[in-house]
PDB file of N, CA and C in Angstrom:
ATOM      1  N   MET A   1      29.947 231.396  53.581  1.00  0.00           N
ATOM      2  CA  MET A   1      30.628 230.088  53.106  1.00  0.00           C
ATOM      3  C   MET A   1      31.500 229.791  52.549  1.00  0.00           C
ATOM      4  N   LEU A   2      31.857 230.709  51.583  1.00  0.00           N
ATOM      5  CA  LEU A   2      33.314 230.602  50.952  1.00  0.00           C
ATOM      6  C   LEU A   2      34.445 230.457  51.985  1.00  0.00           C
ATOM      7  N   ASP A   3      34.572 231.157  53.016  1.00  0.00           N
ATOM      8  CA  ASP A   3      35.481 231.312  53.892  1.00  0.00           C
ATOM      9  C   ASP A   3      35.610 230.050  54.764  1.00  0.00           C
ATOM     10  N   PHE A   4      34.302 229.499  55.103  1.00  0.00           N
ATOM     11  CA  PHE A   4      34.525 228.259  55.448  1.00  0.00           C
ATOM     12  C   PHE A   4      35.304 226.999  54.593  1.00  0.00           C
ATOM     13  N   ALA A   5      34.602 227.255  53.412  1.00  0.00           N
ATOM     14  CA  ALA A   5      35.035 226.159  52.173  1.00  0.00           C
ATOM     15  C   ALA A   5      36.506 226.169  51.909  1.00  0.00           C
ATOM     16  N   GLU A   6      37.197 227.503  51.843  1.00  0.00           N
ATOM     17  CA  GLU A   6      38.430 227.744  51.685  1.00  0.00           C
ATOM     18  C   GLU A   6      39.459 226.929  52.829  1.00  0.00           C
ATOM     19  N   ARG A   7      38.687 226.967  54.098  1.00  0.00           N
ATOM     20  CA  ARG A   7      39.519 226.534  55.039  1.00  0.00           C
ATOM     21  C   ARG A   7      39.693 224.845  55.119  1.00  0.00           C
ATOM     22  N   SER A   8      38.441 224.160  54.931  1.00  0.00           N
ATOM     23  CA  SER A   8      38.398 222.871  54.872  1.00  0.00           C
ATOM     24  C   SER A   8      37.484 222.304  54.071  1.00  0.00           C
ATOM     25  N   ASP A   9      37.661 221.070  53.486  1.00  0.00           N
ATOM     26  CA  ASP A   9      36.751 220.546  52.611  1.00  0.00           C
ATOM     27  C   ASP A   9      35.579 219.734  53.576  1.00  0.00           C
ATOM     28  N   VAL A  10      35.887 219.344  54.835  1.00  0.00           N
ATOM     29  CA  VAL A  10      34.683 218.884  55.597  1.00  0.00           C
ATOM     30  C   VAL A  10      34.811 219.361  57.035  1.00  0.00           C
ATOM     31  N   TYR A  11      33.553 219.630  57.540  1.00  0.00           N
ATOM     32  CA  TYR A  11      33.417 220.333  58.845  1.00  0.00           C
ATOM     33  C   TYR A  11      32.298 219.301  59.304  1.00  0.00           C
ATOM     34  N   ASP A  12      32.545 219.058  60.762  1.00  0.00           N
ATOM     35  CA  ASP A  12      31.519 218.405  61.597  1.00  0.00           C
ATOM     36  C   ASP A  12      31.251 216.830  61.136  1.00  0.00           C
ATOM     37  N   GLU A  13      32.380 216.133  60.845  1.00  0.00           N
ATOM     38  CA  GLU A  13      32.327 214.742  60.146  1.00  0.00           C
ATOM     39  C   GLU A  13      31.425 214.758  58.789  1.00  0.00           C
ATOM     40  N   ARG A  14      30.496 215.292  58.497  1.00  0.00           N
ATOM     41  CA  ARG A  14      29.651 215.125  57.170  1.00  0.00           C
ATOM     42  C   ARG A  14      29.452 216.201  56.285  1.00  0.00           C
ATOM     43  N   LEU A  15      29.910 217.192  56.810  1.00  0.00           N
ATOM     44  CA  LEU A  15      29.346 218.678  55.926  1.00  0.00           C
ATOM     45  C   LEU A  15      30.471 218.838  54.967  1.00  0.00           C
ATOM     46  N   TRP A  16      30.251 218.433  53.786  1.00  0.00           N
ATOM     47  CA  TRP A  16      31.443 218.408  52.445  1.00  0.00           C
ATOM     48  C   TRP A  16      31.127 219.826  51.901  1.00  0.00           C
ATOM     49  N   MET A  17      32.318 220.629  51.807  1.00  0.00           N
ATOM     50  CA  MET A  17      32.316 221.830  51.338  1.00  0.00           C
ATOM     51  C   MET A  17      32.965 222.335  49.930  1.00  0.00           C
ATOM     52  N   LYS A  18      33.438 220.955  49.476  1.00  0.00           N
ATOM     53  CA  LYS A  18      34.436 220.950  48.354  1.00  0.00           C
ATOM     54  C   LYS A  18      33.518 221.657  47.284  1.00  0.00           C
ATOM     55  N   ILE A  19      32.351 221.364  46.777  1.00  0.00           N
ATOM     56  CA  ILE A  19      31.534 222.226  45.866  1.00  0.00           C
ATOM     57  C   ILE A  19      31.258 223.495  46.018  1.00  0.00           C
ATOM     58  N   ALA A  20      31.282 223.991  47.250  1.00  0.00           N
ATOM     59  CA  ALA A  20      31.240 225.450  47.639  1.00  0.00           C
ATOM     60  C   ALA A  20      32.524 226.050  47.179  1.00  0.00           C
ATOM     61  N   ASN A  21      33.716 225.378  47.485  1.00  0.00           N
ATOM     62  CA  ASN A  21      35.094 226.099  46.988  1.00  0.00           C
ATOM     63  C   ASN A  21      35.019 225.899  45.381  1.00  0.00           C
ATOM     64  N   LEU A  22      34.819 224.971  44.862  1.00  0.00           N
ATOM     65  CA  LEU A  22      34.646 224.760  43.511  1.00  0.00           C
ATOM     66  C   LEU A  22      33.887 226.011  42.647  1.00  0.00           C
ATOM     67  N   THR A  23      32.674 226.026  43.366  1.00  0.00           N
ATOM     68  CA  THR A  23      31.680 227.142  42.424  1.00  0.00           C
ATOM     69  C   THR A  23      31.705 228.577  42.960  1.00  0.00           C
ATOM     70  N   GLY A  24      32.492 228.668  44.073  1.00  0.00           N
ATOM     71  CA  GLY A  24      32.395 230.065  44.584  1.00  0.00           C
ATOM     72  C   GLY A  24      31.297 230.635  45.656  1.00  0.00           C
ATOM     73  N   ALA A  25      30.660 229.261  46.077  1.00  0.00           N
ATOM     74  CA  ALA A  25      29.577 229.041  47.315  1.00  0.00           C
ATOM     75  C   ALA A  25      28.552 229.423  46.584  1.00  0.00           C
ATOM     76  N   GLY A  26      27.954 229.678  45.454  1.00  0.00           N
ATOM     77  CA  GLY A  26      26.509 230.007  44.915  1.00  0.00           C
ATOM     78  C   GLY A  26      25.884 228.734  45.352  1.00  0.00           C
ATOM     79  N   GLY A  27      24.533 229.463  45.666  1.00  0.00           N
ATOM     80  CA  GLY A  27      23.417 228.415  45.857  1.00  0.00           C
ATOM     81  C   GLY A  27      23.726 227.218  46.851  1.00  0.00           C
ATOM     82  N   ASN A  28      23.034 226.219  46.693  1.00  0.00           N
ATOM     83  CA  ASN A  28      23.127 225.223  47.419  1.00  0.00           C
ATOM     84  C   ASN A  28      24.429 224.311  47.300  1.00  0.00           C
ATOM     85  N   SER A  29      25.592 224.834  48.062  1.00  0.00           N
ATOM     86  CA  SER A  29      26.948 223.991  47.349  1.00  0.00           C
ATOM     87  C   SER A  29      27.780 223.368  48.588  1.00  0.00           C
ATOM     88  N   SER A  30      26.992 223.125  49.729  1.00  0.00           N
ATOM     89  CA  SER A  30      27.294 222.364  50.721  1.00  0.00           C
ATOM     90  C   SER A  30      26.739 220.843  50.838  1.00  0.00           C
ATOM     91  N   ALA A  31      27.423 219.722  50.988  1.00  0.00           N
ATOM     92  CA  ALA A  31      26.408 218.581  51.191  1.00  0.00           C
ATOM     93  C   ALA A  31      26.989 217.773  52.471  1.00  0.00           C
ATOM     94  N   LEU A  32      25.917 217.193  52.823  1.00  0.00           N
ATOM     95  CA  LEU A  32      25.965 216.071  54.018  1.00  0.00           C
ATOM     96  C   LEU A  32      26.228 214.784  53.335  1.00  0.00           C
ATOM     97  N   VAL A  33      27.271 214.048  53.653  1.00  0.00           N
ATOM     98  CA  VAL A  33      27.752 212.950  53.028  1.00  0.00           C
ATOM     99  C   VAL A  33      28.140 211.858  54.071  1.00  0.00           C
ATOM    100  N   GLY A  34      27.420 210.458  53.709  1.00  0.00           N
ATOM    101  CA  GLY A  34      27.372 209.336  54.151  1.00  0.00           C
ATOM    102  C   GLY A  34      26.254 208.597  54.021  1.00  0.00           C
ATOM    103  N   THR A  35      26.039 207.771  54.993  1.00  0.00           N
ATOM    104  CA  THR A  35      25.015 206.604  54.963  1.00  0.00           C
ATOM    105  C   THR A  35      23.637 207.415  55.285  1.00  0.00           C
ATOM    106  N   PRO A  36      22.672 206.800  55.123  1.00  0.00           N
ATOM    107  CA  PRO A  36      21.324 207.388  55.575  1.00  0.00           C
ATOM    108  C   PRO A  36      21.188 207.779  56.942  1.00  0.00           C
ATOM    109  N   GLU A  37      21.858 206.601  57.809  1.00  0.00           N
ATOM    110  CA  GLU A  37      21.683 206.995  59.151  1.00  0.00           C
ATOM    111  C   GLU A  37      22.721 207.956  59.685  1.00  0.00           C
ATOM    112  N   GLN A  38      23.873 208.164  58.745  1.00  0.00           N
ATOM    113  CA  GLN A  38      24.915 209.151  59.256  1.00  0.00           C
ATOM    114  C   GLN A  38      24.350 210.587  58.934  1.00  0.00           C
ATOM    115  N   VAL A  39      23.828 210.591  57.804  1.00  0.00           N
ATOM    116  CA  VAL A  39      23.127 211.766  57.388  1.00  0.00           C
ATOM    117  C   VAL A  39      21.773 212.377  58.187  1.00  0.00           C
ATOM    118  N   ALA A  40      21.056 211.374  58.692  1.00  0.00           N
ATOM    119  CA  ALA A  40      20.137 211.466  59.634  1.00  0.00           C
ATOM    120  C   ALA A  40      20.711 212.084  60.849  1.00  0.00           C
ATOM    121  N   GLU A  41      21.696 211.492  61.428  1.00  0.00           N
ATOM    122  CA  GLU A  41      22.002 211.690  62.740  1.00  0.00           C
ATOM    123  C   GLU A  41      22.431 213.282  62.706  1.00  0.00           C
ATOM    124  N   SER A  42      23.286 213.745  61.526  1.00  0.00           N
ATOM    125  CA  SER A  42      23.757 215.178  61.348  1.00  0.00           C
ATOM    126  C   SER A  42      22.536 216.104  61.257  1.00  0.00           C
ATOM    127  N   LEU A  43      21.594 215.749  60.611  1.00  0.00           N
ATOM    128  CA  LEU A  43      20.393 216.451  60.612  1.00  0.00           C
ATOM    129  C   LEU A  43      19.713 216.627  61.924  1.00  0.00           C
ATOM    130  N   LEU A  44      19.413 215.518  62.534  1.00  0.00           N
ATOM    131  CA  LEU A  44      18.953 215.623  64.064  1.00  0.00           C
ATOM    132  C   LEU A  44      19.793 216.620  64.998  1.00  0.00           C
ATOM    133  N   ARG A  45      21.189 216.490  64.811  1.00  0.00           N
ATOM    134  CA  ARG A  45      21.800 217.142  65.684  1.00  0.00           C
ATOM    135  C   ARG A  45      21.682 218.771  65.307  1.00  0.00           C
ATOM    136  N   TYR A  46      21.694 219.153  64.122  1.00  0.00           N
ATOM    137  CA  TYR A  46      21.525 220.601  63.555  1.00  0.00           C
ATOM    138  C   TYR A  46      19.964 220.932  64.067  1.00  0.00           C
ATOM    139  N   SER A  47      18.994 219.966  64.421  1.00  0.00           N
ATOM    140  CA  SER A  47      17.804 220.406  64.943  1.00  0.00           C
ATOM    141  C   SER A  47      18.052 220.830  66.520  1.00  0.00           C
ATOM    142  N   GLU A  48      18.685 219.721  67.241  1.00  0.00           N
ATOM    143  CA  GLU A  48      18.998 219.827  68.388  1.00  0.00           C
ATOM    144  C   GLU A  48      19.485 221.234  68.728  1.00  0.00           C
ATOM    145  N   LEU A  49      20.510 221.660  67.697  1.00  0.00           N
ATOM    146  CA  LEU A  49      20.991 222.786  67.908  1.00  0.00           C
ATOM    147  C   LEU A  49      20.461 224.265  67.865  1.00  0.00           C
ATOM    148  N   GLY A  50      19.263 224.131  67.466  1.00  0.00           N
ATOM    149  CA  GLY A  50      18.333 225.114  67.040  1.00  0.00           C
ATOM    150  C   GLY A  50      17.587 225.329  65.647  1.00  0.00           C
ATOM    151  N   ALA A  51      18.378 224.541  64.538  1.00  0.00           N
ATOM    152  CA  ALA A  51      18.065 224.539  63.044  1.00  0.00           C
ATOM    153  C   ALA A  51      16.513 224.485  62.958  1.00  0.00           C
ATOM    154  N   THR A  52      15.733 225.321  62.444  1.00  0.00           N
ATOM    155  CA  THR A  52      14.031 224.760  62.410  1.00  0.00           C
ATOM    156  C   THR A  52      13.864 224.517  60.805  1.00  0.00           C
ATOM    157  N   THR A  53      14.828 224.850  59.980  1.00  0.00           N
ATOM    158  CA  THR A  53      14.856 224.540  58.412  1.00  0.00           C
ATOM    159  C   THR A  53      15.622 223.557  57.944  1.00  0.00           C
ATOM    160  N   LEU A  54      15.589 222.588  57.208  1.00  0.00           N
ATOM    161  CA  LEU A  54      16.571 221.642  56.771  1.00  0.00           C
ATOM    162  C   LEU A  54      16.224 221.678  55.409  1.00  0.00           C
ATOM    163  N   LEU A  55      16.889 221.873  54.380  1.00  0.00           N
ATOM    164  CA  LEU A  55      16.966 221.459  53.049  1.00  0.00           C
ATOM    165  C   LEU A  55      17.936 220.615  52.501  1.00  0.00           C
ATOM    166  N   ILE A  56      17.463 219.528  52.038  1.00  0.00           N
ATOM    167  CA  ILE A  56      18.202 218.324  51.348  1.00  0.00           C
ATOM    168  C   ILE A  56      17.734 218.179  50.063  1.00  0.00           C
ATOM    169  N   ARG A  57      18.963 218.124  49.239  1.00  0.00           N
ATOM    170  CA  ARG A  57      18.697 217.831  47.826  1.00  0.00           C
ATOM    171  C   ARG A  57      20.009 217.328  47.375  1.00  0.00           C
ATOM    172  N   GLY A  58      20.020 216.523  46.085  1.00  0.00           N
ATOM    173  CA  GLY A  58      21.167 215.676  45.591  1.00  0.00           C
ATOM    174  C   GLY A  58      21.184 216.236  44.191  1.00  0.00           C
ATOM    175  N   PHE A  59      21.974 215.324  43.417  1.00  0.00           N
ATOM    176  CA  PHE A  59      22.359 215.663  42.076  1.00  0.00           C
ATOM    177  C   PHE A  59      21.583 214.941  40.830  1.00  0.00           C
ATOM    178  N   ASP A  60      21.008 213.918  41.620  1.00  0.00           N
ATOM    179  CA  ASP A  60      19.893 213.325  40.759  1.00  0.00           C
ATOM    180  C   ASP A  60      18.628 213.220  41.282  1.00  0.00           C
ATOM    181  N   PRO A  61      17.689 214.384  41.065  1.00  0.00           N
ATOM    182  CA  PRO A  61      16.924 214.438  41.971  1.00  0.00           C
ATOM    183  C   PRO A  61      15.522 213.377  42.135  1.00  0.00           C
ATOM    184  N   ILE A  62      15.311 212.850  40.709  1.00  0.00           N
ATOM    185  CA  ILE A  62      14.310 211.699  41.068  1.00  0.00           C
ATOM    186  C   ILE A  62      14.775 210.487  41.845  1.00  0.00           C
ATOM    187  N   ASN A  63      15.985 209.857  41.538  1.00  0.00           N
ATOM    188  CA  ASN A  63      16.343 209.275  42.465  1.00  0.00           C
ATOM    189  C   ASN A  63      16.588 209.417  43.978  1.00  0.00           C
ATOM    190  N   ASP A  64      17.009 210.708  44.054  1.00  0.00           N
ATOM    191  CA  ASP A  64      17.439 211.147  45.545  1.00  0.00           C
ATOM    192  C   ASP A  64      16.157 211.134  46.167  1.00  0.00           C
ATOM    193  N   ALA A  65      15.217 211.707  45.452  1.00  0.00           N
ATOM    194  CA  ALA A  65      13.737 211.948  46.350  1.00  0.00           C
ATOM    195  C   ALA A  65      13.322 210.811  46.663  1.00  0.00           C
ATOM    196  N   ARG A  66      13.189 209.550  45.912  1.00  0.00           N
ATOM    197  CA  ARG A  66      13.140 208.401  46.289  1.00  0.00           C
ATOM    198  C   ARG A  66      13.696 207.612  47.259  1.00  0.00           C
ATOM    199  N   GLU A  67      15.042 207.925  47.238  1.00  0.00           N
ATOM    200  CA  GLU A  67      16.043 207.453  48.387  1.00  0.00           C
ATOM    201  C   GLU A  67      15.587 208.135  49.766  1.00  0.00           C
ATOM    202  N   TYR A  68      15.747 209.489  49.463  1.00  0.00           N
ATOM    203  CA  TYR A  68      15.136 210.190  50.862  1.00  0.00           C
ATOM    204  C   TYR A  68      13.793 209.479  51.472  1.00  0.00           C
ATOM    205  N   GLY A  69      12.863 209.278  50.605  1.00  0.00           N
ATOM    206  CA  GLY A  69      11.460 208.764  51.081  1.00  0.00           C
ATOM    207  C   GLY A  69      11.466 207.459  51.760  1.00  0.00           C
ATOM    208  N   GLU A  70      12.317 206.485  50.884  1.00  0.00           N
ATOM    209  CA  GLU A  70      12.596 205.350  51.375  1.00  0.00           C
ATOM    210  C   GLU A  70      13.498 205.184  52.675  1.00  0.00           C
ATOM    211  N   LYS A  71      14.662 205.920  53.016  1.00  0.00           N
ATOM    212  CA  LYS A  71      15.465 205.636  53.896  1.00  0.00           C
ATOM    213  C   LYS A  71      15.556 206.895  54.673  1.00  0.00           C
ATOM    214  N   LEU A  72      16.018 208.123  54.244  1.00  0.00           N
ATOM    215  CA  LEU A  72      16.313 209.018  55.219  1.00  0.00           C
ATOM    216  C   LEU A  72      15.107 209.583  56.004  1.00  0.00           C
ATOM    217  N   ILE A  73      14.097 209.931  55.359  1.00  0.00           N
ATOM    218  CA  ILE A  73      12.777 210.637  55.999  1.00  0.00           C
ATOM    219  C   ILE A  73      12.246 209.708  57.049  1.00  0.00           C
ATOM    220  N   PRO A  74      12.190 208.151  57.194  1.00  0.00           N
ATOM    221  CA  PRO A  74      12.093 207.303  57.975  1.00  0.00           C
ATOM    222  C   PRO A  74      13.011 207.579  59.298  1.00  0.00           C
ATOM    223  N   LEU A  75      14.069 207.766  59.055  1.00  0.00           N
ATOM    224  CA  LEU A  75      15.227 207.688  59.973  1.00  0.00           C
ATOM    225  C   LEU A  75      14.819 209.111  60.961  1.00  0.00           C
ATOM    226  N   LEU A  76      14.710 209.983  60.107  1.00  0.00           N
ATOM    227  CA  LEU A  76      14.376 211.422  60.807  1.00  0.00           C
ATOM    228  C   LEU A  76      13.365 211.525  61.506  1.00  0.00           C
ATOM    229  N   ARG A  77      12.190 210.999  61.067  1.00  0.00           N
ATOM    230  CA  ARG A  77      10.973 211.020  61.634  1.00  0.00           C
ATOM    231  C   ARG A  77      11.115 210.030  63.321  1.00  0.00           C
ATOM    232  N   SER A  78      11.635 208.979  63.066  1.00  0.00           N
ATOM    233  CA  SER A  78      11.806 208.270  64.255  1.00  0.00           C
ATOM    234  C   SER A  78      12.714 209.032  65.091  1.00  0.00           C
ATOM    235  N   GLY A  79      13.960 209.391  64.564  1.00  0.00           N
ATOM    236  CA  GLY A  79      14.573 210.508  65.596  1.00  0.00           C
ATOM    237  C   GLY A  79      13.812 211.290  65.997  1.00  0.00           C
ATOM    238  N   PHE A  80      13.497 212.263  65.606  1.00  0.00           N
ATOM    239  CA  PHE A  80      12.738 213.381  65.859  1.00  0.00           C
ATOM    240  C   PHE A  80      11.861 213.103  66.967  1.00  0.00           C
ATOM    241  N   LYS A  81      10.797 212.117  66.919  1.00  0.00           N
ATOM    242  CA  LYS A  81       9.917 211.592  67.738  1.00  0.00           C
ATOM    243  C   LYS A  81      10.697 211.307  69.054  1.00  0.00           C
ATOM    244  N   SER A  82      11.828 210.149  68.750  1.00  0.00           N
ATOM    245  CA  SER A  82      12.728 209.812  70.099  1.00  0.00           C
ATOM    246  C   SER A  82      13.296 211.034  70.789  1.00  0.00           C
ATOM    247  N   ARG A  83      13.563 212.030  70.262  1.00  0.00           N
ATOM    248  CA  ARG A  83      14.291 213.046  70.851  1.00  0.00           C
ATOM    249  C   ARG A  83      13.482 214.213  71.159  1.00  0.00           C
ATOM    250  N   GLY A  84      12.431 214.100  71.072  1.00  0.00           N
ATOM    251  CA  GLY A  84      11.152 215.141  71.627  1.00  0.00           C
ATOM    252  C   GLY A  84      11.256 216.081  70.481  1.00  0.00           C
ATOM    253  N   LEU A  85      11.833 216.306  69.268  1.00  0.00           N
ATOM    254  CA  LEU A  85      11.631 217.461  68.288  1.00  0.00           C
ATOM    255  C   LEU A  85      10.531 217.344  67.320  1.00  0.00           C
ATOM    256  N   ASP A  86       9.540 216.418  67.834  1.00  0.00           N
ATOM    257  CA  ASP A  86       8.270 216.318  66.492  1.00  0.00           C
ATOM    258  C   ASP A  86       7.265 217.332  66.856  1.00  0.00           C
ATOM    259  N   SER A  87       7.296 218.421  67.804  1.00  0.00           N
ATOM    260  CA  SER A  87       6.024 218.870  68.153  1.00  0.00           C
ATOM    261  C   SER A  87       6.185 220.126  67.341  1.00  0.00           C
TER     262      SER A  87
END
């Protein structure tokens, strides 16, 4: 991951690598950035490419969990279903 982080701060429109570069790529140090709709679209695309596990977290755990539950997870459920990825 550090190799990617050293080459660019952003990959595939939303994958922000600056934290990985600053921290030496320790732990969960990349981030999807954007609106809930944009982040959902990226996660759905990763699923279509074969990702079977998606880890999401933020820097403000309680508020981030609330926002994920209110905004991101409903978009993902709908997107998985409409793309046939919900089985």
